């Protein structure tokens, strides 16, 4: 097993220490939990953005901004709707 040592900024180290104390986990367990959460979030993001260029995503965001009344932004819902429109524009129903 390979061990990777990462030197964290003081603020992140303090946050991780506080998080581990609040959750009752060891600092190592807390770090593993945070890393796993980040990996799952990254995987979800990669899946939702698969096949998008930056310009296509920017255009979808602009459509949302131009659509009318401001509403709270639900990122997950926005990406699902935009992904469905993107797939439909390519003739691939999702």
N, C-alpha and C. Protein backbone atom coordinates (compact mmCIF):
# COMPACT_ATOMS: atom_id res chain seq x y z
N UNK A 1 0.85 -1.18 0.00
CA UNK A 1 0.00 0.00 0.00
C UNK A 1 0.89 1.23 0.00
N UNK A 2 0.55 2.19 -0.83
CA UNK A 2 1.31 3.43 -0.92
C UNK A 2 0.66 4.48 -0.05
N UNK A 3 1.47 5.17 0.70
CA UNK A 3 0.97 6.24 1.55
C UNK A 3 1.39 7.56 0.91
N UNK A 4 0.43 8.45 0.76
CA UNK A 4 0.70 9.77 0.21
C UNK A 4 0.55 10.78 1.33
N UNK A 5 1.55 11.57 1.53
CA UNK A 5 1.49 12.61 2.56
C UNK A 5 1.25 13.94 1.87
N UNK A 6 0.22 14.63 2.31
CA UNK A 6 -0.13 15.93 1.74
C UNK A 6 -0.02 16.97 2.85
N UNK A 7 0.72 18.02 2.59
CA UNK A 7 0.80 19.11 3.55
C UNK A 7 -0.35 20.06 3.27
N UNK A 8 -1.24 20.19 4.22
CA UNK A 8 -2.42 21.02 4.05
C UNK A 8 -2.18 22.42 4.61
N UNK A 9 -2.94 23.34 4.09
CA UNK A 9 -2.90 24.69 4.63
C UNK A 9 -3.42 24.67 6.06
N UNK A 10 -2.99 25.61 6.86
CA UNK A 10 -3.37 25.66 8.27
C UNK A 10 -4.87 25.66 8.48
N UNK A 11 -5.60 26.40 7.66
CA UNK A 11 -7.06 26.47 7.84
C UNK A 11 -7.72 25.13 7.57
N UNK A 12 -7.25 24.44 6.54
CA UNK A 12 -7.82 23.13 6.23
C UNK A 12 -7.47 22.12 7.31
N UNK A 13 -6.24 22.18 7.79
CA UNK A 13 -5.84 21.29 8.89
C UNK A 13 -6.72 21.52 10.11
N UNK A 14 -6.98 22.78 10.44
CA UNK A 14 -7.81 23.10 11.60
C UNK A 14 -9.23 22.63 11.39
N UNK A 15 -9.77 22.82 10.17
CA UNK A 15 -11.13 22.37 9.88
C UNK A 15 -11.23 20.86 10.04
N UNK A 16 -10.24 20.13 9.51
CA UNK A 16 -10.24 18.68 9.61
C UNK A 16 -10.14 18.23 11.06
N UNK A 17 -9.33 18.91 11.84
CA UNK A 17 -9.20 18.58 13.27
C UNK A 17 -10.54 18.80 13.97
N UNK A 18 -11.17 19.94 13.72
CA UNK A 18 -12.46 20.24 14.32
C UNK A 18 -13.52 19.23 13.89
N UNK A 19 -13.53 18.91 12.60
CA UNK A 19 -14.49 17.94 12.06
C UNK A 19 -14.31 16.58 12.72
N UNK A 20 -13.08 16.14 12.87
CA UNK A 20 -12.84 14.82 13.47
C UNK A 20 -13.28 14.81 14.93
N UNK A 21 -13.06 15.91 15.64
CA UNK A 21 -13.49 15.97 17.05
C UNK A 21 -15.01 15.97 17.15
N UNK A 22 -15.67 16.74 16.30
CA UNK A 22 -17.13 16.82 16.34
C UNK A 22 -17.78 15.49 15.96
N UNK A 23 -17.17 14.78 15.02
CA UNK A 23 -17.76 13.54 14.54
C UNK A 23 -17.33 12.32 15.35
N UNK A 24 -16.35 12.50 16.22
CA UNK A 24 -15.86 11.39 17.02
C UNK A 24 -14.96 10.44 16.25
N UNK A 25 -14.49 10.88 15.11
CA UNK A 25 -13.58 10.06 14.30
C UNK A 25 -12.14 10.48 14.56
N UNK A 26 -11.25 9.57 14.23
CA UNK A 26 -9.84 9.93 14.28
C UNK A 26 -9.57 10.87 13.10
N UNK A 27 -8.51 11.66 13.16
CA UNK A 27 -8.20 12.53 12.01
C UNK A 27 -8.04 11.72 10.71
N UNK A 28 -7.49 10.53 10.79
CA UNK A 28 -7.31 9.70 9.60
C UNK A 28 -8.67 9.26 9.04
N UNK A 29 -9.59 8.86 9.92
CA UNK A 29 -10.92 8.46 9.48
C UNK A 29 -11.66 9.64 8.86
N UNK A 30 -11.54 10.80 9.49
CA UNK A 30 -12.20 11.99 8.97
C UNK A 30 -11.65 12.35 7.60
N UNK A 31 -10.33 12.28 7.45
CA UNK A 31 -9.71 12.60 6.17
C UNK A 31 -10.18 11.62 5.10
N UNK A 32 -10.23 10.33 5.43
CA UNK A 32 -10.70 9.33 4.47
C UNK A 32 -12.15 9.60 4.09
N UNK A 33 -12.97 9.96 5.07
CA UNK A 33 -14.38 10.27 4.79
C UNK A 33 -14.53 11.47 3.87
N UNK A 34 -13.75 12.51 4.12
CA UNK A 34 -13.81 13.71 3.29
C UNK A 34 -13.34 13.39 1.88
N UNK A 35 -12.26 12.62 1.76
CA UNK A 35 -11.76 12.24 0.43
C UNK A 35 -12.77 11.39 -0.33
N UNK A 36 -13.43 10.47 0.35
CA UNK A 36 -14.44 9.63 -0.30
C UNK A 36 -15.62 10.48 -0.77
N UNK A 37 -16.04 11.43 0.07
CA UNK A 37 -17.12 12.34 -0.31
C UNK A 37 -16.72 13.12 -1.55
N UNK A 38 -15.47 13.64 -1.59
CA UNK A 38 -14.99 14.41 -2.72
C UNK A 38 -14.96 13.55 -3.98
N UNK A 39 -14.50 12.31 -3.86
CA UNK A 39 -14.44 11.42 -5.03
C UNK A 39 -15.84 11.14 -5.57
N UNK A 40 -16.80 10.89 -4.68
CA UNK A 40 -18.19 10.64 -5.12
C UNK A 40 -18.77 11.87 -5.80
N UNK A 41 -18.50 13.04 -5.23
CA UNK A 41 -18.98 14.29 -5.83
C UNK A 41 -18.36 14.50 -7.20
N UNK A 42 -17.07 14.25 -7.33
CA UNK A 42 -16.37 14.39 -8.61
C UNK A 42 -16.93 13.42 -9.63
N UNK A 43 -17.19 12.18 -9.21
CA UNK A 43 -17.75 11.17 -10.11
C UNK A 43 -19.13 11.59 -10.60
N UNK A 44 -19.94 12.11 -9.69
CA UNK A 44 -21.28 12.57 -10.05
C UNK A 44 -21.19 13.73 -11.04
N UNK A 45 -20.29 14.67 -10.76
CA UNK A 45 -20.11 15.82 -11.64
C UNK A 45 -19.63 15.37 -13.02
N UNK A 46 -18.66 14.46 -13.05
CA UNK A 46 -18.16 13.96 -14.33
C UNK A 46 -19.25 13.29 -15.14
N UNK A 47 -20.12 12.53 -14.47
CA UNK A 47 -21.22 11.85 -15.15
C UNK A 47 -22.21 12.86 -15.72
N UNK A 48 -22.56 13.86 -14.93
CA UNK A 48 -23.53 14.86 -15.38
C UNK A 48 -22.98 15.73 -16.51
N UNK A 49 -21.67 15.97 -16.51
CA UNK A 49 -21.09 16.87 -17.51
C UNK A 49 -20.48 16.13 -18.69
N UNK A 50 -20.63 14.82 -18.72
CA UNK A 50 -20.06 14.02 -19.79
C UNK A 50 -20.56 14.49 -21.15
N UNK A 51 -19.65 14.74 -22.06
CA UNK A 51 -20.01 15.14 -23.42
C UNK A 51 -20.22 16.62 -23.62
N UNK A 52 -20.09 17.42 -22.57
CA UNK A 52 -20.30 18.86 -22.67
C UNK A 52 -18.98 19.57 -22.92
N UNK A 53 -19.02 20.53 -23.81
CA UNK A 53 -17.88 21.45 -23.93
C UNK A 53 -18.14 22.62 -22.99
N UNK A 54 -17.10 23.35 -22.69
CA UNK A 54 -17.28 24.54 -21.83
C UNK A 54 -18.26 25.53 -22.46
N UNK A 55 -18.18 25.70 -23.77
CA UNK A 55 -19.05 26.65 -24.45
C UNK A 55 -20.51 26.21 -24.39
N UNK A 56 -20.77 24.91 -24.57
CA UNK A 56 -22.14 24.41 -24.48
C UNK A 56 -22.70 24.61 -23.07
N UNK A 57 -21.89 24.34 -22.07
CA UNK A 57 -22.34 24.52 -20.69
C UNK A 57 -22.57 26.00 -20.39
N UNK A 58 -21.66 26.86 -20.88
CA UNK A 58 -21.83 28.30 -20.68
C UNK A 58 -23.13 28.78 -21.32
N UNK A 59 -23.44 28.28 -22.52
CA UNK A 59 -24.67 28.67 -23.22
C UNK A 59 -25.90 28.23 -22.43
N UNK A 60 -25.86 27.03 -21.85
CA UNK A 60 -26.99 26.56 -21.04
C UNK A 60 -27.17 27.41 -19.80
N UNK A 61 -26.08 27.79 -19.18
CA UNK A 61 -26.16 28.66 -18.00
C UNK A 61 -26.76 30.00 -18.39
N UNK A 62 -26.33 30.54 -19.54
CA UNK A 62 -26.86 31.82 -20.00
C UNK A 62 -28.36 31.71 -20.28
N UNK A 63 -28.81 30.60 -20.88
CA UNK A 63 -30.25 30.40 -21.11
C UNK A 63 -31.01 30.47 -19.79
N UNK A 64 -30.44 29.84 -18.77
CA UNK A 64 -31.08 29.87 -17.46
C UNK A 64 -31.15 31.28 -16.89
N UNK A 65 -30.07 32.03 -17.07
CA UNK A 65 -30.05 33.40 -16.57
C UNK A 65 -31.04 34.28 -17.31
N UNK A 66 -31.22 34.02 -18.60
CA UNK A 66 -32.11 34.83 -19.44
C UNK A 66 -33.56 34.39 -19.39
N UNK A 67 -33.86 33.32 -18.65
CA UNK A 67 -35.18 32.70 -18.74
C UNK A 67 -36.30 33.43 -18.02
N UNK A 68 -36.01 34.42 -17.23
CA UNK A 68 -37.12 35.12 -16.58
C UNK A 68 -36.83 35.38 -15.12
N UNK A 69 -37.84 35.10 -14.29
CA UNK A 69 -37.75 35.41 -12.87
C UNK A 69 -36.63 34.64 -12.18
N UNK A 70 -35.91 35.34 -11.32
CA UNK A 70 -34.84 34.65 -10.59
C UNK A 70 -35.42 33.66 -9.58
N UNK A 71 -34.80 32.52 -9.49
CA UNK A 71 -35.19 31.51 -8.53
C UNK A 71 -33.92 30.97 -7.89
N UNK A 72 -34.04 30.36 -6.71
CA UNK A 72 -32.84 29.75 -6.12
C UNK A 72 -32.29 28.70 -7.08
N UNK A 73 -30.98 28.62 -7.16
CA UNK A 73 -30.34 27.73 -8.13
C UNK A 73 -30.10 26.37 -7.52
N UNK A 74 -30.78 25.36 -8.05
CA UNK A 74 -30.56 23.99 -7.66
C UNK A 74 -29.63 23.40 -8.71
N UNK A 75 -28.35 23.29 -8.38
CA UNK A 75 -27.34 22.86 -9.35
C UNK A 75 -27.66 21.50 -9.93
N UNK A 76 -28.03 20.53 -9.09
CA UNK A 76 -28.32 19.19 -9.58
C UNK A 76 -29.48 19.20 -10.58
N UNK A 77 -30.54 19.90 -10.24
CA UNK A 77 -31.71 19.97 -11.13
C UNK A 77 -31.35 20.67 -12.44
N UNK A 78 -30.60 21.76 -12.34
CA UNK A 78 -30.18 22.48 -13.54
C UNK A 78 -29.37 21.58 -14.46
N UNK A 79 -28.41 20.85 -13.89
CA UNK A 79 -27.55 19.99 -14.71
C UNK A 79 -28.34 18.84 -15.34
N UNK A 80 -29.31 18.29 -14.61
CA UNK A 80 -30.14 17.23 -15.17
C UNK A 80 -30.95 17.75 -16.37
N UNK A 81 -31.56 18.92 -16.21
CA UNK A 81 -32.36 19.49 -17.30
C UNK A 81 -31.47 19.86 -18.49
N UNK A 82 -30.32 20.47 -18.20
CA UNK A 82 -29.42 20.86 -19.27
C UNK A 82 -28.88 19.63 -19.99
N UNK A 83 -28.57 18.59 -19.23
CA UNK A 83 -28.08 17.35 -19.83
C UNK A 83 -29.14 16.73 -20.74
N UNK A 84 -30.38 16.76 -20.30
CA UNK A 84 -31.47 16.22 -21.12
C UNK A 84 -31.61 17.01 -22.41
N UNK A 85 -31.52 18.35 -22.34
CA UNK A 85 -31.59 19.18 -23.55
C UNK A 85 -30.40 18.89 -24.46
N UNK A 86 -29.24 18.72 -23.86
CA UNK A 86 -28.02 18.44 -24.62
C UNK A 86 -28.15 17.12 -25.38
N UNK A 87 -28.62 16.08 -24.70
CA UNK A 87 -28.80 14.77 -25.33
C UNK A 87 -29.85 14.87 -26.44
N UNK A 88 -30.94 15.61 -26.17
CA UNK A 88 -32.01 15.75 -27.18
C UNK A 88 -31.49 16.48 -28.41
N UNK A 89 -30.62 17.45 -28.22
CA UNK A 89 -30.08 18.20 -29.36
C UNK A 89 -29.17 17.34 -30.22
N UNK A 90 -28.62 16.28 -29.65
CA UNK A 90 -27.78 15.37 -30.41
C UNK A 90 -28.57 14.18 -30.95
N UNK A 91 -29.86 14.16 -30.63
CA UNK A 91 -30.72 13.07 -31.08
C UNK A 91 -30.58 11.81 -30.25
N UNK A 92 -30.05 11.95 -29.02
CA UNK A 92 -29.87 10.82 -28.12
C UNK A 92 -30.78 11.00 -26.92
N UNK A 93 -31.96 10.44 -26.90
CA UNK A 93 -32.80 10.59 -25.70
C UNK A 93 -32.13 9.97 -24.50
N UNK A 94 -32.18 10.69 -23.37
CA UNK A 94 -31.51 10.18 -22.16
C UNK A 94 -32.39 9.26 -21.37
